[in-house]
Amino acid sequence: KALARMRDERADRMLVTKDATIREIHHRVKNNLQTIAALLRLQARRMDSPEARTAIEESVARISSIAMVHEILSRGAGEDVPFVEVLRPLLRTVEEGLVPHDYRVKFRIEGDAGKLPAFIATPLSIVITELVQNIVEHAYPIEEDGDTPEGEVILEVANDGHTLVVRVTDDGVGLPPGFDLATTTGL
């Protein structure tokens, strides 16, 4: 019995060490991604071209969304991420970093996706970042009378354990006439 207990204790210590190592790796990946994002932000400040600056800012948002997933993974055991803990800071980052200060566009989350495996949470956060960036860029143009845009972006999530549903809606201007998803070249 003593030998079996010693084996069990050794196995438990090995699991704790493995878990701590995995968390540390996620933490380091998150730090490296944040460093890359900071370097890109510095580079964007030096850009004269608004298009180049916008492209870099969009890349920073993508990198930041991946870093958020690694931040959550570095805090706890396992590879599952409480996805709402990724969504809240992701939307806050977009709202603070990409929405012009004079715009009155608000973001809201409805529902809960529950815990998602990291291999789903990471690409899903990137897709949501892309969608929200496109909304900010296209759905709320400056109005002809000069008024600043206002509106609401709603991110609805639901997970019944078998199916994950994510719906992003806005009350902006809508798709341009002639828009065809099959022929668009953007992300």
Protein backbone atom coordinates (compact mmCIF):
# COMPACT_ATOMS: atom_id res chain seq x y z
CA LYS A 1 0.00 0.00 0.00
CA ALA A 2 2.79 2.41 0.85
CA LEU A 3 4.37 1.87 -2.57
CA ALA A 4 1.04 2.50 -4.33
CA ARG A 5 0.49 5.68 -2.29
CA MET A 6 4.00 6.90 -3.18
CA ARG A 7 3.29 6.26 -6.89
CA ASP A 8 0.00 8.15 -6.63
CA GLU A 9 1.70 11.07 -4.88
CA ARG A 10 4.45 11.14 -7.51
CA ALA A 11 1.85 11.05 -10.32
CA ASP A 12 -0.05 13.91 -8.63
CA ARG A 13 3.16 15.99 -8.37
CA MET A 14 3.93 15.32 -12.03
CA LEU A 15 0.43 16.48 -13.04
CA VAL A 16 0.77 19.66 -10.97
CA THR A 17 4.19 20.34 -12.52
CA LYS A 18 2.85 19.69 -16.02
CA ASP A 19 -0.13 21.98 -15.41
CA ALA A 20 2.13 24.77 -14.09
CA THR A 21 4.42 24.38 -17.10
CA ILE A 22 1.52 24.62 -19.54
CA ARG A 23 0.18 27.74 -17.76
CA GLU A 24 3.65 29.30 -17.89
CA ILE A 25 3.94 28.61 -21.62
CA HIS A 26 0.55 30.27 -22.23
CA HIS A 27 1.70 33.23 -20.13
CA ARG A 28 4.91 33.58 -22.14
CA VAL A 29 3.07 33.30 -25.46
CA LYS A 30 0.66 36.00 -24.26
CA ASN A 31 3.58 38.25 -23.26
CA ASN A 32 5.30 37.72 -26.61
CA LEU A 33 2.10 38.53 -28.50
CA GLN A 34 1.62 41.68 -26.44
CA THR A 35 5.21 42.71 -27.21
CA ILE A 36 4.59 42.22 -30.93
CA ALA A 37 1.39 44.26 -30.70
CA ALA A 38 3.24 47.06 -28.87
CA LEU A 39 5.98 47.12 -31.51
CA LEU A 40 3.37 47.30 -34.26
CA ARG A 41 1.61 50.18 -32.46
CA LEU A 42 4.93 52.05 -32.31
CA GLN A 43 5.41 51.42 -36.02
CA ALA A 44 1.88 52.63 -36.79
CA ARG A 45 2.62 55.96 -35.10
CA ARG A 46 5.45 56.53 -37.58
CA MET A 47 3.27 55.85 -40.62
CA ASP A 48 2.18 58.71 -42.81
CA SER A 49 -0.31 56.64 -44.78
CA PRO A 50 -3.72 56.31 -43.10
CA GLU A 51 -4.27 53.03 -44.98
CA ALA A 52 -1.03 51.55 -43.66
CA ARG A 53 -1.82 52.76 -40.14
CA THR A 54 -5.28 51.18 -40.32
CA ALA A 55 -3.84 47.88 -41.56
CA ILE A 56 -1.37 47.78 -38.68
CA GLU A 57 -4.09 48.69 -36.14
CA GLU A 58 -6.24 45.84 -37.47
CA SER A 59 -3.29 43.46 -37.14
CA VAL A 60 -2.76 44.64 -33.57
CA ALA A 61 -6.40 43.86 -32.79
CA ARG A 62 -6.03 40.36 -34.25
CA ILE A 63 -2.86 39.69 -32.28
CA SER A 64 -4.47 41.08 -29.12
CA SER A 65 -7.46 38.74 -29.48
CA ILE A 66 -5.11 35.74 -29.61
CA ALA A 67 -3.19 37.09 -26.61
CA MET A 68 -6.45 37.33 -24.64
CA VAL A 69 -7.09 33.62 -25.14
CA HIS A 70 -3.59 32.80 -23.90
CA GLU A 71 -4.10 35.13 -20.92
CA ILE A 72 -7.19 33.15 -19.89
CA LEU A 73 -5.40 29.83 -20.46
CA SER A 74 -2.46 30.97 -18.32
CA ARG A 75 -4.74 31.54 -15.32
CA GLY A 76 -6.29 28.12 -14.93
CA ALA A 77 -5.82 24.46 -15.47
CA GLY A 78 -6.96 22.69 -18.59
CA GLU A 79 -7.37 23.84 -22.13
CA ASP A 80 -10.94 25.12 -21.80
CA VAL A 81 -11.60 28.84 -21.85
CA PRO A 82 -14.65 30.59 -20.34
CA PHE A 83 -15.32 32.36 -23.63
CA VAL A 84 -17.16 35.34 -22.18
CA GLU A 85 -13.86 36.20 -20.42
CA VAL A 86 -12.34 36.51 -23.90
CA LEU A 87 -15.29 38.38 -25.43
CA ARG A 88 -15.54 41.17 -22.87
CA PRO A 89 -11.94 42.41 -23.15
CA LEU A 90 -11.97 41.79 -26.92
CA LEU A 91 -14.97 44.08 -27.40
CA ARG A 92 -13.54 46.61 -24.96
CA THR A 93 -10.28 46.64 -26.95
CA VAL A 94 -12.14 47.25 -30.20
CA GLU A 95 -14.38 49.89 -28.61
CA GLU A 96 -11.44 51.77 -27.09
CA GLY A 97 -8.93 51.27 -29.89
CA LEU A 98 -10.82 51.26 -33.19
CA VAL A 99 -14.02 53.24 -32.67
CA PRO A 100 -13.36 56.95 -33.24
CA HIS A 101 -13.79 58.87 -29.99
CA ASP A 102 -16.65 61.00 -31.28
CA TYR A 103 -18.72 57.98 -32.40
CA ARG A 104 -21.54 56.85 -30.15
CA VAL A 105 -21.42 53.14 -30.96
CA LYS A 106 -21.91 50.74 -28.07
CA PHE A 107 -21.15 47.02 -27.85
CA ARG A 108 -23.20 44.47 -25.92
CA ILE A 109 -22.87 40.73 -25.25
CA GLU A 110 -25.97 38.59 -24.82
CA GLY A 111 -25.87 34.97 -23.67
CA ASP A 112 -22.98 32.76 -22.73
CA ALA A 113 -20.91 30.41 -24.87
CA GLY A 114 -19.69 28.55 -21.78
CA LYS A 115 -16.23 27.03 -21.75
CA LEU A 116 -14.66 26.37 -25.13
CA PRO A 117 -11.54 24.39 -26.00
CA ALA A 118 -8.60 26.63 -26.84
CA PHE A 119 -8.45 25.26 -30.38
CA ILE A 120 -11.95 26.69 -30.93
CA ALA A 121 -11.68 29.82 -28.76
CA THR A 122 -8.58 31.16 -30.53
CA PRO A 123 -9.84 31.15 -34.15
CA LEU A 124 -13.34 32.16 -33.02
CA SER A 125 -11.95 35.22 -31.24
CA ILE A 126 -10.10 36.17 -34.43
CA VAL A 127 -13.27 35.78 -36.53
CA ILE A 128 -15.25 37.90 -34.08
CA THR A 129 -12.51 40.53 -34.10
CA GLU A 130 -12.69 40.63 -37.91
CA LEU A 131 -16.48 40.97 -37.86
CA VAL A 132 -16.45 43.74 -35.29
CA GLN A 133 -13.63 45.58 -37.10
CA ASN A 134 -15.65 45.44 -40.32
CA ILE A 135 -18.69 46.78 -38.51
CA VAL A 136 -16.69 49.68 -37.06
CA GLU A 137 -15.16 50.43 -40.45
CA HIS A 138 -18.24 50.12 -42.67
CA ALA A 139 -21.53 50.16 -40.74
CA TYR A 140 -21.29 53.61 -39.21
CA PRO A 141 -19.96 56.17 -41.69
CA ILE A 142 -20.01 59.89 -40.89
CA GLU A 143 -23.48 61.09 -41.80
CA GLU A 144 -24.02 63.58 -44.65
CA ASP A 145 -25.21 66.26 -42.22
CA GLY A 146 -21.94 65.87 -40.28
CA ASP A 147 -23.50 64.14 -37.29
CA THR A 148 -21.34 61.49 -35.69
CA PRO A 149 -22.64 57.96 -36.04
CA GLU A 150 -24.40 56.21 -33.24
CA GLY A 151 -25.64 52.68 -32.87
CA GLU A 152 -25.33 49.36 -31.15
CA VAL A 153 -23.46 46.17 -31.95
CA ILE A 154 -24.83 43.05 -30.29
CA LEU A 155 -22.86 39.86 -29.94
CA GLU A 156 -25.19 36.97 -29.15
CA VAL A 157 -23.73 33.64 -28.07
CA ALA A 158 -25.42 30.38 -27.16
CA ASN A 159 -24.05 26.92 -26.48
CA ASP A 160 -26.30 23.96 -25.75
CA GLY A 161 -23.38 21.56 -25.39
CA HIS A 162 -23.69 20.33 -28.97
CA THR A 163 -24.00 23.48 -31.04
CA LEU A 164 -22.33 26.85 -30.58
CA VAL A 165 -24.14 29.80 -32.13
CA VAL A 166 -22.51 33.20 -32.50
CA ARG A 167 -24.49 36.03 -34.04
CA VAL A 168 -23.10 39.53 -34.53
CA THR A 169 -25.65 42.18 -35.46
CA ASP A 170 -25.56 45.93 -35.82
CA ASP A 171 -28.00 48.71 -36.66
CA GLY A 172 -25.63 50.36 -39.14
CA VAL A 173 -26.13 51.20 -42.81
CA GLY A 174 -26.13 47.59 -44.05
CA LEU A 175 -24.29 46.02 -46.93
CA PRO A 176 -23.61 48.13 -50.01
CA PRO A 177 -25.69 47.55 -53.14
CA GLY A 178 -24.27 44.75 -55.24
CA PHE A 179 -22.30 43.18 -52.37
CA ASP A 180 -21.57 39.52 -53.12
CA LEU A 181 -19.89 37.40 -50.45
CA ALA A 182 -18.64 34.98 -53.11
CA THR A 183 -16.62 37.66 -54.90
CA THR A 184 -15.39 39.82 -52.03
CA THR A 185 -11.63 39.83 -51.53
CA GLY A 186 -11.44 41.13 -47.95
CA LEU A 187 -11.29 39.10 -44.78
